Amino acid sequence: MFKDLSPNIKSSITRSITQTFEQYMVNIGWSEEEYSIEDFIEEWREYITTKALWYSKIPDEVKMDPTFHEDLAQRINDVIYKILNEPPSDEQIAAIQTMQEQLNTHYEYDCKAEAVFIESVLKEQIEQQ
């Protein structure tokens, strides 16, 4: 069912998953202990029903179809996997390393999105000095 949607709607769904997941992770400080797929899905569900323009373009019968939900679940898994497996850029690594040396911190990060979060945390700490 997902594959039958227009390319624009599929792209919008992917973007909404990405944005919501990254914001959810920022909200929990990228903490593995605080991560809950159920909490993320609830935030994404709230986002799509209150803010996403594409949601109203999908017919109700499609939204109610279990196959559509299975396809969406697979898409969510694929998007999260891609986010978590995209390595930080060389520029991010260098910038974080420099700031960590300056601040004498030892934050760990595993992916590009988490590196963005760590960079913002470190920049904030530098600004507060």
Protein backbone atom coordinates (compact mmCIF):
# COMPACT_ATOMS: atom_id res chain seq x y z
CA MET A 1 0.00 0.00 0.00
CA PHE A 2 2.79 2.44 0.85
CA LYS A 3 4.34 1.86 -2.56
CA ASP A 4 1.05 2.90 -4.20
CA LEU A 5 1.17 6.40 -2.70
CA SER A 6 2.42 9.31 -4.76
CA PRO A 7 6.14 10.07 -4.58
CA ASN A 8 5.35 13.39 -2.88
CA ILE A 9 3.34 11.76 -0.11
CA LYS A 10 5.96 9.04 0.41
CA SER A 11 8.64 11.72 0.64
CA SER A 12 6.53 13.73 3.10
CA ILE A 13 5.98 10.65 5.26
CA THR A 14 9.71 9.93 5.30
CA ARG A 15 10.49 13.55 6.19
CA SER A 16 7.93 13.52 9.01
CA ILE A 17 9.42 10.33 10.45
CA THR A 18 12.94 11.76 10.23
CA GLN A 19 12.06 15.11 11.77
CA THR A 20 9.96 13.63 14.54
CA PHE A 21 12.54 10.96 15.40
CA GLU A 22 15.41 13.44 15.52
CA GLN A 23 13.36 15.86 17.66
CA TYR A 24 12.28 13.02 19.96
CA MET A 25 15.91 11.99 20.42
CA VAL A 26 16.93 15.59 21.19
CA ASN A 27 14.11 15.80 23.75
CA ILE A 28 15.51 12.75 25.56
CA GLY A 29 19.11 13.88 25.17
CA TRP A 30 19.88 10.93 22.88
CA SER A 31 19.64 8.70 25.96
CA GLU A 32 19.36 5.01 25.15
CA GLU A 33 17.88 4.42 28.61
CA GLU A 34 15.05 6.90 28.01
CA TYR A 35 14.32 5.75 24.45
CA SER A 36 10.93 4.15 23.93
CA ILE A 37 9.62 3.21 20.50
CA GLU A 38 6.10 3.54 21.88
CA ASP A 39 6.77 7.12 23.01
CA PHE A 40 8.30 7.98 19.65
CA ILE A 41 5.35 6.49 17.76
CA GLU A 42 2.95 8.46 19.96
CA GLU A 43 4.81 11.69 19.19
CA TRP A 44 4.84 10.87 15.49
CA ARG A 45 1.14 10.03 15.55
CA GLU A 46 0.39 13.36 17.23
CA TYR A 47 2.53 15.19 14.68
CA ILE A 48 0.89 13.61 11.64
CA THR A 49 -2.64 14.15 12.89
CA THR A 50 -2.13 17.78 13.93
CA LYS A 51 0.59 19.21 11.67
CA ALA A 52 1.31 17.01 8.65
CA LEU A 53 -0.42 18.19 5.49
CA TRP A 54 -0.02 14.83 3.77
CA TYR A 55 -2.09 12.93 6.34
CA SER A 56 -5.40 14.39 5.16
CA LYS A 57 -4.54 13.47 1.55
CA ILE A 58 -4.59 9.75 2.32
CA PRO A 59 -8.08 8.23 2.08
CA ASP A 60 -9.54 6.94 5.34
CA GLU A 61 -9.93 3.41 3.93
CA VAL A 62 -6.17 3.32 3.27
CA LYS A 63 -5.42 4.61 6.79
CA MET A 64 -7.57 1.84 8.26
CA ASP A 65 -6.00 -0.96 6.25
CA PRO A 66 -3.70 -3.23 8.33
CA THR A 67 -1.38 -3.62 5.34
CA PHE A 68 -0.86 0.14 5.27
CA HIS A 69 0.08 0.06 8.96
CA GLU A 70 2.53 -2.78 8.34
CA ASP A 71 4.07 -0.80 5.47
CA LEU A 72 4.31 2.29 7.67
CA ALA A 73 5.93 0.32 10.48
CA GLN A 74 8.52 -1.00 8.02
CA ARG A 75 9.11 2.52 6.69
CA ILE A 76 9.60 3.83 10.25
CA ASN A 77 12.11 1.04 10.95
CA ASP A 78 13.96 1.75 7.70
CA VAL A 79 14.16 5.50 8.37
CA ILE A 80 15.35 5.04 11.96
CA TYR A 81 17.94 2.48 10.81
CA LYS A 82 19.23 4.92 8.19
CA ILE A 83 19.47 7.78 10.71
CA LEU A 84 21.29 5.65 13.27
CA ASN A 85 23.72 4.28 10.70
CA GLU A 86 24.69 7.49 8.91
CA PRO A 87 28.20 8.26 10.18
CA PRO A 88 29.14 11.73 11.35
CA SER A 89 30.99 13.84 8.81
CA ASP A 90 34.71 14.49 9.13
CA GLU A 91 33.86 18.15 9.78
CA GLN A 92 31.52 17.20 12.64
CA ILE A 93 34.11 14.90 14.18
CA ALA A 94 36.80 17.61 13.99
CA ALA A 95 34.52 20.32 15.42
CA ILE A 96 33.34 18.10 18.27
CA GLN A 97 36.89 17.01 19.05
CA THR A 98 38.07 20.62 19.21
CA MET A 99 35.22 21.67 21.48
CA GLN A 100 35.64 18.63 23.72
CA GLU A 101 39.32 19.40 24.15
CA GLN A 102 38.45 23.00 24.98
CA LEU A 103 35.80 21.94 27.51
CA ASN A 104 37.53 18.78 28.72
CA THR A 105 34.43 16.68 27.99
CA HIS A 106 34.08 13.18 26.63
CA TYR A 107 30.69 12.91 24.93
CA GLU A 108 30.21 9.89 22.73
CA TYR A 109 28.14 9.88 19.55
CA ASP A 110 27.53 7.26 16.94
CA CYS A 111 25.71 8.89 14.04
CA LYS A 112 25.41 12.16 12.17
CA ALA A 113 22.14 13.17 13.86
CA GLU A 114 23.55 12.52 17.31
CA ALA A 115 26.67 14.48 16.37
CA VAL A 116 24.46 17.46 15.51
CA PHE A 117 22.99 17.20 19.01
CA ILE A 118 26.41 16.93 20.67
CA GLU A 119 27.68 19.90 18.68
CA SER A 120 24.78 22.04 19.91
CA VAL A 121 25.35 20.93 23.52
CA LEU A 122 29.04 21.79 23.30
CA LYS A 123 28.41 25.15 21.60
CA GLU A 124 25.95 26.04 24.35
CA GLN A 125 28.52 25.13 27.00
CA ILE A 126 31.15 27.29 25.29
CA GLU A 127 28.74 30.23 25.08
CA GLN A 128 28.02 29.93 28.80
CA GLN A 129 31.70 30.21 29.69
